[in-house]
């Protein structure tokens, strides 16, 4: 009797030529969706766990092969494109929380990418922009077609098994395991990597909620302390300020790490003490406190508008909904009191349409500042120049209206370098040659160290302390109160994993009675805040309005 021919599946199993491509394709495609971050870098490292979406891909291929015997070319391309998006989502999902200390929001953060890319491109030669654009296009095409090739290999290797009960007997436990992981069963976490699809689902739900008036009403409070301040008779809300100017300065990436980490404190402590001494020598005093930022590592607008609106914007949806309304801000309170409002944003080189919500009387962005010196990094304009230009273009003469100014610093913004040099001659910083050639060359030679960004960050913080020291040493045209607010902690590859979201806030003034009002509300003397935060930045709004009003304040 002739022996029965073996099944195609058994022959495939016993053929190394057939089994090896299947094994390699399985390992490769699963590895692309199962990796972890290599802290504190932007690199990743392999993870041996099973990726749920990879199991989903195998399931789709098995069904497709069982029904038609092949995956059509267009179907392969679609699968490759979807898988590429999943890989990108996985990378962002594991690297962003490590780098920034928070998840990336596709709804909030991704729209900022074109601006970041545009700012970067405008400072590069045209050939470099074209070369990078071509490289991105070729890279995207290569990834999709590379994935397409590997998925086709996997599909062809699965073809002999697609109708085999043994395959489904092997595949079913993996499907159930991944389903349990999606359902939140903690026992599956050591074996199944974090799924990617829920991230996209949450973002789609966010977009859906933003289109719902009912959800908008739930997300934004009916009233704020700003509304209450505007209901007071004109002048009472800011009576304690005495018609003095107020400058609200947001210190980019100034966070509690500047105090909490002994190594960081040792590096920036001396320059901070020099700043404190300059403030004291100018006849001013400084009091400080911690407040909790609604963000970490980026998305500074959330911090800025939390303070200006008195609304907790830790949920980015609230920010995006808020700027579509006509809700009042601190700027409204100052305008009602007869103040002229200024917005100084040196890093903005695009048409920032959202500024319409703020309603500045005078708005100064990068181009309008007219900087002709050498550019430094992504943000080009040194903070020292931006301040010097503001003082030159809009001198605070005795006859000018009182003003409330928002000044957003940028030198300490990620990726931190190159650090601009400091120019002791504030008149020279306004010229076409603001710095010595050697200082410019030294700064321009600095390159981003993606593996260890902390030294670069500390260098920029020392620069910020230095130029602020020089600023507070300048003669002042008229008495001004300064509120210096850290907007958020730096990225967590600098601040450390699990860093708290608290930021220092400094009130600088000559008026001892006004300073005492802030002390009664929880601030302490000097530039070393008490460790316990006084609330979120949206609570600082109430603190500020209480301290500046004509109402008595009680001891905190």
Protein backbone atom coordinates (compact mmCIF):
# COMPACT_ATOMS: atom_id res chain seq x y z
CA UNK A 1 0.00 0.00 0.00
CA UNK A 2 1.30 3.40 -0.96
CA UNK A 3 1.79 5.79 2.01
CA UNK A 4 -0.76 8.61 2.17
CA UNK A 5 0.63 11.97 1.10
CA UNK A 6 1.19 14.31 3.98
CA UNK A 7 -0.99 17.40 4.34
CA UNK A 8 0.30 20.68 2.97
CA UNK A 9 0.37 22.09 6.51
CA UNK A 10 2.55 19.28 7.81
CA UNK A 11 4.89 19.62 4.85
CA UNK A 12 5.15 23.36 5.49
CA UNK A 13 5.86 22.77 9.16
CA UNK A 14 8.68 20.38 8.40
CA UNK A 15 10.19 22.67 5.83
CA UNK A 16 12.65 25.16 7.30
CA UNK A 17 12.28 27.19 4.17
CA UNK A 18 8.58 27.59 4.93
CA UNK A 19 8.76 27.88 8.72
CA UNK A 20 11.63 30.35 8.98
CA UNK A 21 9.96 33.27 7.12
CA UNK A 22 6.84 32.73 9.22
CA UNK A 23 8.83 32.85 12.48
CA UNK A 24 10.84 35.90 11.45
CA UNK A 25 7.75 37.76 10.27
CA UNK A 26 5.93 36.97 13.52
CA UNK A 27 8.83 38.16 15.69
CA UNK A 28 9.47 41.28 13.61
CA UNK A 29 5.88 42.50 13.38
CA UNK A 30 5.16 41.81 17.03
CA UNK A 31 8.36 43.59 18.06
CA UNK A 32 7.29 46.72 16.18
CA UNK A 33 4.31 47.06 18.52
CA UNK A 34 5.91 45.68 21.67
CA UNK A 35 8.75 47.82 22.95
CA UNK A 36 9.43 50.07 25.91
CA UNK A 37 11.19 53.39 26.27
CA UNK A 38 14.89 53.53 27.01
CA UNK A 39 14.78 56.16 29.71
CA UNK A 40 15.86 58.93 29.69
CA UNK A 41 16.36 58.98 25.91
CA UNK A 42 14.01 59.04 22.94
CA UNK A 43 15.20 55.54 21.99
CA UNK A 44 13.30 52.31 22.66
CA UNK A 45 14.23 48.78 23.65
CA UNK A 46 12.62 45.42 22.79
CA UNK A 47 9.87 43.91 24.90
CA UNK A 48 9.06 40.19 24.79
CA UNK A 49 5.36 40.64 25.52
CA UNK A 50 2.61 40.06 22.95
CA UNK A 51 1.21 43.10 21.18
CA UNK A 52 -2.63 42.97 21.02
CA UNK A 53 -2.82 44.73 17.67
CA UNK A 54 -0.29 42.27 16.23
CA UNK A 55 -2.59 39.40 17.24
CA UNK A 56 -5.36 41.35 15.52
CA UNK A 57 -3.27 41.54 12.34
CA UNK A 58 -2.68 37.77 12.38
CA UNK A 59 -6.41 37.23 12.90
CA UNK A 60 -7.30 39.48 9.94
CA UNK A 61 -4.76 37.72 7.69
CA UNK A 62 -6.00 34.26 8.69
CA UNK A 63 -9.61 35.20 7.92
CA UNK A 64 -8.61 36.83 4.65
CA UNK A 65 -6.51 33.86 3.56
CA UNK A 66 -9.16 31.35 4.57
CA UNK A 67 -11.81 33.13 2.52
CA UNK A 68 -9.94 34.20 -0.61
CA UNK A 69 -6.56 32.51 -0.49
CA UNK A 70 -4.68 35.78 -0.84
CA UNK A 71 -4.48 39.39 0.31
CA UNK A 72 -4.90 41.79 -2.64
CA UNK A 73 -2.24 44.42 -3.21
CA UNK A 74 -4.45 47.33 -2.19
CA UNK A 75 -5.44 45.48 0.96
CA UNK A 76 -1.77 44.93 1.81
CA UNK A 77 -1.07 48.64 1.41
CA UNK A 78 -3.99 49.58 3.64
CA UNK A 79 -2.89 47.07 6.30
CA UNK A 80 0.69 48.40 6.11
CA UNK A 81 -0.47 52.02 6.49
CA UNK A 82 -2.67 51.17 9.47
CA UNK A 83 0.11 49.17 11.07
CA UNK A 84 2.49 52.08 10.53
CA UNK A 85 0.08 54.40 12.36
CA UNK A 86 -0.14 51.88 15.19
CA UNK A 87 3.66 51.76 15.43
CA UNK A 88 3.80 55.56 15.55
CA UNK A 89 1.08 55.56 18.21
CA UNK A 90 2.96 52.96 20.23
CA UNK A 91 6.18 54.98 20.04
CA UNK A 92 4.48 58.18 21.15
CA UNK A 93 2.56 56.31 23.84
CA UNK A 94 5.68 54.90 25.51
CA UNK A 95 8.24 57.66 24.84
CA UNK A 96 6.16 60.80 25.44
CA UNK A 97 5.27 60.09 29.11
CA UNK A 98 8.93 59.33 29.77
CA UNK A 99 10.13 62.46 27.99
CA UNK A 100 7.38 64.95 28.87
CA UNK A 101 5.91 63.36 31.98
CA UNK A 102 2.44 63.23 30.40
CA UNK A 103 0.75 61.50 27.48
CA UNK A 104 0.75 63.23 24.11
CA UNK A 105 -2.69 64.43 23.11
CA UNK A 106 -3.34 63.98 19.40
CA UNK A 107 -6.05 66.61 19.69
CA UNK A 108 -3.89 69.22 21.43
CA UNK A 109 -0.23 68.46 20.70
CA UNK A 110 -0.26 67.26 17.10
CA UNK A 111 -1.63 70.57 15.73
CA UNK A 112 1.42 72.24 17.30
CA UNK A 113 3.83 70.11 15.22
CA UNK A 114 3.41 72.10 11.98
CA UNK A 115 4.30 75.25 13.90
CA UNK A 116 7.36 73.62 15.42
CA UNK A 117 8.44 72.32 12.01
CA UNK A 118 7.80 75.68 10.37
CA UNK A 119 9.84 77.56 12.97
CA UNK A 120 12.66 75.06 12.52
CA UNK A 121 12.50 75.26 8.72
CA UNK A 122 12.59 79.06 8.57
CA UNK A 123 15.96 79.05 10.28
CA UNK A 124 17.48 76.47 7.91
CA UNK A 125 18.89 76.89 4.39
CA UNK A 126 16.46 75.95 1.58
CA UNK A 127 18.53 72.95 0.49
CA UNK A 128 18.35 71.50 4.02
CA UNK A 129 14.55 71.95 4.12
CA UNK A 130 14.21 70.21 0.74
CA UNK A 131 16.56 67.44 1.78
CA UNK A 132 14.71 66.79 5.04
CA UNK A 133 11.33 66.89 3.26
CA UNK A 134 12.53 64.38 0.69
CA UNK A 135 14.00 62.20 3.45
CA UNK A 136 10.68 62.21 5.32
CA UNK A 137 8.73 61.35 2.17
CA UNK A 138 11.15 58.56 1.20
CA UNK A 139 11.24 57.30 4.78
CA UNK A 140 7.45 57.15 5.01
CA UNK A 141 7.22 55.36 1.66
CA UNK A 142 9.97 52.91 2.68
CA UNK A 143 8.28 52.09 6.00
CA UNK A 144 4.90 51.44 4.38
CA UNK A 145 6.33 49.31 1.61
CA UNK A 146 8.64 47.50 4.00
CA UNK A 147 5.68 46.65 6.22
CA UNK A 148 3.71 45.65 3.15
CA UNK A 149 6.45 43.22 2.15
CA UNK A 150 6.68 41.62 5.59
CA UNK A 151 2.89 41.37 5.96
CA UNK A 152 2.72 39.67 2.56
CA UNK A 153 5.36 37.16 3.70
CA UNK A 154 3.32 36.52 6.85
CA UNK A 155 0.12 36.10 4.85
CA UNK A 156 1.70 33.66 2.40
CA UNK A 157 3.24 31.68 5.28
CA UNK A 158 -0.14 31.49 7.00
CA UNK A 159 -1.97 30.41 3.84
CA UNK A 160 -1.40 26.64 4.30
CA UNK A 161 -2.64 26.96 7.89
CA UNK A 162 -5.53 29.34 7.44
CA UNK A 163 -8.15 26.59 7.37
CA UNK A 164 -6.45 24.32 9.88
CA UNK A 165 -8.19 23.74 13.22
CA UNK A 166 -4.77 23.44 14.82
CA UNK A 167 -3.96 27.05 13.88
CA UNK A 168 -7.20 28.27 15.42
CA UNK A 169 -6.56 26.13 18.50
CA UNK A 170 -3.21 27.92 18.91
CA UNK A 171 -4.53 31.39 18.03
CA UNK A 172 -7.67 31.37 20.23
CA UNK A 173 -5.83 31.54 23.61
CA UNK A 174 -3.85 34.55 22.38
CA UNK A 175 -7.07 36.27 21.27
CA UNK A 176 -8.67 35.65 24.66
CA UNK A 177 -5.53 36.85 26.47
CA UNK A 178 -5.48 40.10 24.50
CA UNK A 179 -9.23 40.59 24.98
CA UNK A 180 -8.72 40.25 28.74
CA UNK A 181 -5.93 42.82 28.54
CA UNK A 182 -8.22 45.25 26.73
CA UNK A 183 -10.78 44.65 29.49
CA UNK A 184 -8.20 45.74 32.08
CA UNK A 185 -7.31 42.41 33.62
CA UNK A 186 -4.10 43.20 35.51
CA UNK A 187 -2.95 39.56 35.48
CA UNK A 188 -2.35 39.87 31.71
CA UNK A 189 0.07 42.80 31.96
CA UNK A 190 3.25 40.70 32.31
CA UNK A 191 2.37 38.88 29.07
CA UNK A 192 0.59 41.48 26.92
CA UNK A 193 1.98 44.91 26.07
CA UNK A 194 -0.15 48.03 26.45
CA UNK A 195 -2.60 48.25 23.52
CA UNK A 196 -2.45 51.22 21.16
CA UNK A 197 -6.03 51.42 19.92
CA UNK A 198 -7.46 52.85 23.20
CA UNK A 199 -5.20 55.89 22.74
CA UNK A 200 -6.71 56.65 19.35
CA UNK A 201 -10.19 55.91 20.68
CA UNK A 202 -9.79 58.40 23.53
CA UNK A 203 -8.68 61.10 21.09
CA UNK A 204 -11.65 60.45 18.77
CA UNK A 205 -13.95 60.69 21.76
CA UNK A 206 -12.32 63.98 22.72
CA UNK A 207 -13.03 65.41 19.25
CA UNK A 208 -16.61 64.19 19.50
CA UNK A 209 -17.08 65.78 22.93
CA UNK A 210 -15.71 69.09 21.68
CA UNK A 211 -18.58 69.25 19.17
CA UNK A 212 -21.24 68.74 21.87
CA UNK A 213 -22.76 71.82 23.58
CA UNK A 214 -23.79 69.62 26.50
CA UNK A 215 -20.21 68.45 27.03
CA UNK A 216 -18.95 72.03 26.73
CA UNK A 217 -21.31 73.08 29.51
CA UNK A 218 -20.00 70.24 31.65
CA UNK A 219 -16.35 71.04 30.98
CA UNK A 220 -16.34 74.80 31.69
CA UNK A 221 -17.50 76.29 35.01
CA UNK A 222 -20.43 78.68 34.93
CA UNK A 223 -18.55 81.39 36.87
CA UNK A 224 -15.00 82.20 37.91
CA UNK A 225 -13.24 84.62 40.25
CA UNK A 226 -12.64 86.80 37.20
CA UNK A 227 -16.39 87.22 36.74
CA UNK A 228 -16.68 88.24 40.40
CA UNK A 229 -13.86 90.79 40.06
CA UNK A 230 -15.49 92.37 37.02
CA UNK A 231 -18.73 92.87 38.96
CA UNK A 232 -16.98 95.16 41.47
CA UNK A 233 -17.07 98.94 40.99
CA UNK A 234 -14.23 100.12 38.68
CA UNK A 235 -10.94 100.44 40.54
CA UNK A 236 -11.80 98.28 43.55
CA UNK A 237 -10.57 95.00 42.05
CA UNK A 238 -7.03 96.40 41.69
CA UNK A 239 -7.04 99.04 44.44
CA UNK A 240 -4.04 97.59 46.31
CA UNK A 241 -1.96 97.81 43.14
CA UNK A 242 -2.26 101.60 43.26
CA UNK A 243 -2.19 102.12 39.48
CA UNK A 244 1.28 100.62 39.31
CA UNK A 245 2.24 98.54 36.28
CA UNK A 246 2.10 94.76 36.53
CA UNK A 247 4.35 92.50 34.48
CA UNK A 248 3.34 88.84 34.46
CA UNK A 249 6.39 86.94 33.28
CA UNK A 250 6.02 83.24 32.43
CA UNK A 251 9.34 81.48 32.99
CA UNK A 252 9.50 78.65 30.49
CA UNK A 253 10.17 75.19 32.02
CA UNK A 254 10.86 76.56 35.51
CA UNK A 255 9.75 73.79 37.85
CA UNK A 256 10.22 72.36 41.31
CA UNK A 257 13.18 70.29 40.08
CA UNK A 258 15.25 73.47 40.45
CA UNK A 259 14.87 73.01 44.21
CA UNK A 260 14.02 69.33 44.74
CA UNK A 261 17.04 67.75 43.10
CA UNK A 262 20.24 68.46 45.08
CA UNK A 263 22.48 68.26 42.00
CA UNK A 264 20.24 70.67 40.08
CA UNK A 265 19.95 73.04 43.04
CA UNK A 266 23.73 73.11 43.38
CA UNK A 267 24.13 74.09 39.71
CA UNK A 268 21.51 76.85 39.58
CA UNK A 269 21.56 78.01 43.22
CA UNK A 270 24.43 80.52 42.84
CA UNK A 271 22.86 82.33 39.87
CA UNK A 272 19.49 82.39 41.67
CA UNK A 273 21.11 83.95 44.72
CA UNK A 274 22.70 86.60 42.50
CA UNK A 275 19.22 87.36 41.15
CA UNK A 276 17.83 87.64 44.69
CA UNK A 277 20.69 90.01 45.62
CA UNK A 278 20.00 92.18 42.55
CA UNK A 279 16.33 92.40 43.49
CA UNK A 280 17.24 93.42 47.01
CA UNK A 281 19.84 95.95 45.83
CA UNK A 282 17.22 97.60 43.63
CA UNK A 283 15.06 98.37 46.68
CA UNK A 284 12.58 95.58 45.96
CA UNK A 285 11.62 92.49 47.92
CA UNK A 286 10.57 89.06 46.70
CA UNK A 287 8.12 86.54 48.16
CA UNK A 288 7.49 83.10 46.72
CA UNK A 289 5.24 80.04 46.73
CA UNK A 290 4.60 76.86 44.81
CA UNK A 291 1.57 76.28 42.63
CA UNK A 292 0.68 73.20 40.61
CA UNK A 293 0.85 73.53 36.83
CA UNK A 294 -1.86 71.89 34.69
CA UNK A 295 0.82 70.46 32.41
CA UNK A 296 4.38 69.16 32.41
CA UNK A 297 7.12 69.17 29.80
CA UNK A 298 5.20 71.30 27.29
CA UNK A 299 1.80 72.77 26.27
CA UNK A 300 2.59 76.04 28.04
CA UNK A 301 -0.67 77.59 26.83
CA UNK A 302 -2.51 75.40 29.34
CA UNK A 303 -0.56 77.01 32.18
CA UNK A 304 -0.79 80.54 30.82
CA UNK A 305 -4.53 80.48 30.32
CA UNK A 306 -5.21 78.58 33.56
CA UNK A 307 -3.79 81.56 35.44
CA UNK A 308 -5.42 84.18 33.22
CA UNK A 309 -8.87 82.56 33.27
CA UNK A 310 -9.00 81.05 36.75
CA UNK A 311 -10.09 77.73 35.20
CA UNK A 312 -8.29 74.43 35.70
CA UNK A 313 -7.08 73.53 32.21
CA UNK A 314 -5.35 70.26 33.10
CA UNK A 315 -7.85 68.74 30.66
CA UNK A 316 -6.72 70.21 27.29
CA UNK A 317 -10.29 70.07 26.00
CA UNK A 318 -11.19 72.91 28.33
CA UNK A 319 -8.51 75.11 26.79
CA UNK A 320 -9.65 74.48 23.24
CA UNK A 321 -13.26 75.09 24.20
CA UNK A 322 -12.42 78.18 26.25
CA UNK A 323 -10.75 80.08 23.41
CA UNK A 324 -13.89 79.65 21.30
CA UNK A 325 -15.88 81.62 23.90
CA UNK A 326 -15.88 85.22 25.12
CA UNK A 327 -15.16 84.31 28.72
CA UNK A 328 -13.21 87.06 30.55
CA UNK A 329 -9.64 86.79 31.82
CA UNK A 330 -7.36 88.79 34.07
CA UNK A 331 -6.68 90.99 31.06
CA UNK A 332 -10.37 91.94 31.13
CA UNK A 333 -10.07 93.04 34.76
CA UNK A 334 -7.07 95.26 33.96
CA UNK A 335 -8.69 96.73 30.87
CA UNK A 336 -11.79 97.59 32.90
CA UNK A 337 -9.51 99.43 35.35
CA UNK A 338 -8.04 101.55 32.52
CA UNK A 339 -4.85 99.55 31.95
CA UNK A 340 -3.24 99.04 28.54
CA UNK A 341 -2.52 95.34 27.96
CA UNK A 342 0.63 94.01 26.27
CA UNK A 343 1.43 90.53 25.03
CA UNK A 344 5.11 89.78 24.27
CA UNK A 345 5.73 86.40 22.64
CA UNK A 346 9.23 86.37 21.07
CA UNK A 347 8.99 82.76 19.84
CA UNK A 348 5.87 83.23 17.73
CA UNK A 349 6.73 83.64 14.06
CA UNK A 350 3.35 82.54 12.65
CA UNK A 351 -0.10 84.08 12.60
CA UNK A 352 -1.22 83.12 16.11
CA UNK A 353 -4.97 83.38 15.58
CA UNK A 354 -5.73 82.34 19.17
CA UNK A 355 -4.41 85.69 20.36
CA UNK A 356 -7.79 87.09 19.35
CA UNK A 357 -9.21 85.50 22.48
CA UNK A 358 -6.68 87.32 24.69
CA UNK A 359 -7.43 90.69 23.11
CA UNK A 360 -4.10 92.42 23.74
CA UNK A 361 -4.00 96.16 23.08
CA UNK A 362 -0.39 95.72 21.95
CA UNK A 363 0.90 92.38 20.66
CA UNK A 364 4.58 91.77 19.93
CA UNK A 365 5.69 88.56 18.25
CA UNK A 366 9.03 87.48 16.82
CA UNK A 367 8.91 89.44 13.52
CA UNK A 368 7.59 92.63 15.14
CA UNK A 369 10.48 92.66 17.62
CA UNK A 370 12.85 93.30 14.70
CA UNK A 371 15.79 91.24 15.93
CA UNK A 372 18.79 91.55 13.56
CA UNK A 373 21.38 89.66 15.57
CA UNK A 374 22.45 86.03 15.19
CA UNK A 375 19.66 83.47 15.77
CA UNK A 376 19.97 81.01 18.64
CA UNK A 377 18.34 77.63 18.20
CA UNK A 378 14.72 76.95 17.40
CA UNK A 379 13.46 80.13 19.08
CA UNK A 380 16.02 82.50 17.55
CA UNK A 381 15.52 85.61 19.73
CA UNK A 382 17.30 85.88 23.11
CA UNK A 383 14.97 86.76 25.99
CA UNK A 384 17.28 89.61 26.96
CA UNK A 385 16.81 91.24 23.56
CA UNK A 386 13.02 90.82 23.68
CA UNK A 387 12.88 92.61 27.02
CA UNK A 388 15.27 95.34 25.91
CA UNK A 389 13.24 95.88 22.74
CA UNK A 390 10.01 96.13 24.72
CA UNK A 391 11.52 98.80 26.97
CA UNK A 392 12.84 100.71 23.96
CA UNK A 393 9.72 100.55 21.81
CA UNK A 394 7.23 101.24 24.59
CA UNK A 395 8.95 103.24 27.34
CA UNK A 396 6.93 103.50 30.53
CA UNK A 397 6.88 107.29 30.72
CA UNK A 398 5.04 109.00 33.58
CA UNK A 399 2.35 110.15 31.14
CA UNK A 400 1.67 106.68 29.69
CA UNK A 401 -1.34 104.68 30.81
CA UNK A 402 -0.69 102.02 33.44
CA UNK A 403 0.02 98.73 31.74
CA UNK A 404 -0.35 95.03 32.33
CA UNK A 405 2.21 93.02 30.37
CA UNK A 406 2.45 89.31 29.69
CA UNK A 407 6.00 88.34 28.77
CA UNK A 408 6.68 84.70 27.79
CA UNK A 409 10.36 83.72 28.01
CA UNK A 410 11.70 81.03 25.69
CA UNK A 411 15.44 80.46 26.24
CA UNK A 412 14.70 77.60 28.65
CA UNK A 413 12.38 75.83 26.21
CA UNK A 414 13.04 72.27 25.08
CA UNK A 415 15.48 71.29 23.51
CA UNK A 416 17.28 73.96 25.63
CA UNK A 417 20.38 74.73 23.57
CA UNK A 418 22.11 76.72 22.22
CA UNK A 419 22.21 79.05 25.20
CA UNK A 420 22.45 82.71 24.16
CA UNK A 421 25.30 84.74 25.64
CA UNK A 422 24.46 87.50 28.09
CA UNK A 423 25.30 91.06 27.07
CA UNK A 424 25.95 93.38 30.08
CA UNK A 425 25.54 96.39 27.78
CA UNK A 426 21.77 96.49 27.30
CA UNK A 427 22.08 99.22 24.66
CA UNK A 428 24.37 97.06 22.52
CA UNK A 429 21.98 94.10 22.64
CA UNK A 430 19.63 96.17 20.45
CA UNK A 431 22.22 96.57 17.67
CA UNK A 432 22.96 94.33 14.69
CA UNK A 433 26.04 93.02 16.51
CA UNK A 434 24.75 92.42 20.02
CA UNK A 435 27.45 89.92 21.05
CA UNK A 436 31.15 89.34 20.51
CA UNK A 437 31.97 86.91 17.71
CA UNK A 438 33.67 84.50 20.09
CA UNK A 439 30.58 84.33 22.31
CA UNK A 440 28.34 83.69 19.30
CA UNK A 441 30.66 80.99 17.99
CA UNK A 442 30.76 79.28 21.37
CA UNK A 443 26.97 79.32 21.67
CA UNK A 444 26.43 78.17 18.08
CA UNK A 445 28.75 75.21 18.61
CA UNK A 446 26.42 73.75 21.24
CA UNK A 447 24.52 70.70 19.98
CA UNK A 448 21.51 69.03 21.54
CA UNK A 449 22.53 66.04 23.65
CA UNK A 450 19.46 63.84 23.34
CA UNK A 451 20.99 61.27 25.68
CA UNK A 452 21.46 63.68 28.59
CA UNK A 453 19.63 67.01 28.32
CA UNK A 454 19.95 68.05 31.96
CA UNK A 455 23.28 69.97 31.59
CA UNK A 456 21.82 71.93 28.68
CA UNK A 457 18.69 72.74 30.66
CA UNK A 458 20.68 73.97 33.64
CA UNK A 459 22.79 76.15 31.35
CA UNK A 460 19.67 77.91 30.05
CA UNK A 461 18.27 78.36 33.57
CA UNK A 462 21.51 80.03 34.64
CA UNK A 463 21.22 82.26 31.57
CA UNK A 464 17.67 83.20 32.60
CA UNK A 465 18.82 84.06 36.12
CA UNK A 466 21.69 86.10 34.68
CA UNK A 467 19.69 88.25 32.29
CA UNK A 468 16.98 88.76 34.92
CA UNK A 469 19.71 89.88 37.34
CA UNK A 470 20.81 92.45 34.76
CA UNK A 471 17.21 93.49 34.14
CA UNK A 472 16.44 94.15 37.80
CA UNK A 473 19.67 96.15 38.03
CA UNK A 474 18.50 98.60 35.36
CA UNK A 475 17.00 101.95 36.37
CA UNK A 476 13.21 101.81 36.34
CA UNK A 477 11.10 104.51 34.72
CA UNK A 478 8.19 103.96 37.11
CA UNK A 479 7.25 101.55 39.85
CA UNK A 480 6.26 98.10 38.54
CA UNK A 481 5.11 94.95 40.28
CA UNK A 482 6.43 91.71 38.82
CA UNK A 483 4.85 88.28 39.02
CA UNK A 484 7.28 85.60 37.78
CA UNK A 485 5.55 82.26 37.21
CA UNK A 486 7.10 78.96 36.17
CA UNK A 487 4.77 77.54 33.53
CA UNK A 488 5.63 73.86 33.99
CA UNK A 489 8.35 71.39 34.93
CA UNK A 490 10.88 70.56 32.20
CA UNK A 491 10.60 67.28 30.32
CA UNK A 492 10.94 64.31 32.64
CA UNK A 493 14.22 63.17 31.11
CA UNK A 494 15.40 66.30 32.97
CA UNK A 495 12.99 66.50 35.91
CA UNK A 496 13.01 62.74 36.53
CA UNK A 497 10.31 60.11 36.42
CA UNK A 498 7.39 60.85 38.70
CA UNK A 499 8.35 64.50 39.15
CA UNK A 500 5.70 66.61 40.80
CA UNK A 501 3.97 69.20 38.64
CA UNK A 502 4.61 72.13 41.00
CA UNK A 503 6.23 75.37 39.80
CA UNK A 504 7.73 78.33 41.68
CA UNK A 505 5.97 81.68 41.69
CA UNK A 506 7.78 84.89 42.70
CA UNK A 507 6.19 88.25 43.51
CA UNK A 508 8.67 91.15 43.24
CA UNK A 509 7.66 94.60 44.48
CA UNK A 510 8.73 97.66 46.47
CA UNK A 511 5.42 98.13 48.27
CA UNK A 512 5.78 96.49 51.71
CA UNK A 513 2.02 96.54 52.31
CA UNK A 514 1.34 94.72 49.06
CA UNK A 515 4.03 92.15 49.87
CA UNK A 516 2.44 91.58 53.28
CA UNK A 517 -0.89 90.82 51.60
CA UNK A 518 0.80 88.04 49.64
CA UNK A 519 2.48 86.75 52.80
CA UNK A 520 -0.91 86.50 54.46
CA UNK A 521 -2.10 84.43 51.50
CA UNK A 522 0.69 81.87 51.93
CA UNK A 523 3.78 83.33 50.24
CA UNK A 524 7.09 83.37 52.11
CA UNK A 525 10.07 85.74 51.94
CA UNK A 526 12.87 85.05 49.48
CA UNK A 527 13.17 82.82 46.43
CA UNK A 528 12.81 79.53 48.29
CA UNK A 529 9.10 78.61 48.36
CA UNK A 530 7.55 76.53 51.09
CA UNK A 531 7.44 72.90 49.89
CA UNK A 532 3.66 72.61 50.00
CA UNK A 533 1.88 74.09 46.97
CA UNK A 534 -0.93 76.58 47.55
CA UNK A 535 -3.10 75.05 44.81
CA UNK A 536 -3.20 74.94 41.04
CA UNK A 537 -2.27 77.86 38.80
CA UNK A 538 -5.99 78.52 38.43
CA UNK A 539 -6.06 79.07 42.21
CA UNK A 540 -3.28 81.64 41.85
CA UNK A 541 -5.84 83.75 39.96
CA UNK A 542 -7.94 84.04 43.10
CA UNK A 543 -4.82 84.72 45.20
CA UNK A 544 -3.72 87.50 42.87
CA UNK A 545 -7.14 89.17 42.69
CA UNK A 546 -7.53 88.92 46.46
CA UNK A 547 -4.10 90.48 47.08
CA UNK A 548 -4.67 93.29 44.57
CA UNK A 549 -8.20 94.19 45.69
CA UNK A 550 -9.26 96.63 48.41
CA UNK A 551 -10.68 93.81 50.56
CA UNK A 552 -8.79 92.66 53.66
CA UNK A 553 -6.94 89.35 53.34
CA UNK A 554 -6.75 86.80 56.13
CA UNK A 555 -3.71 84.82 57.24
CA UNK A 556 -3.27 81.67 55.15
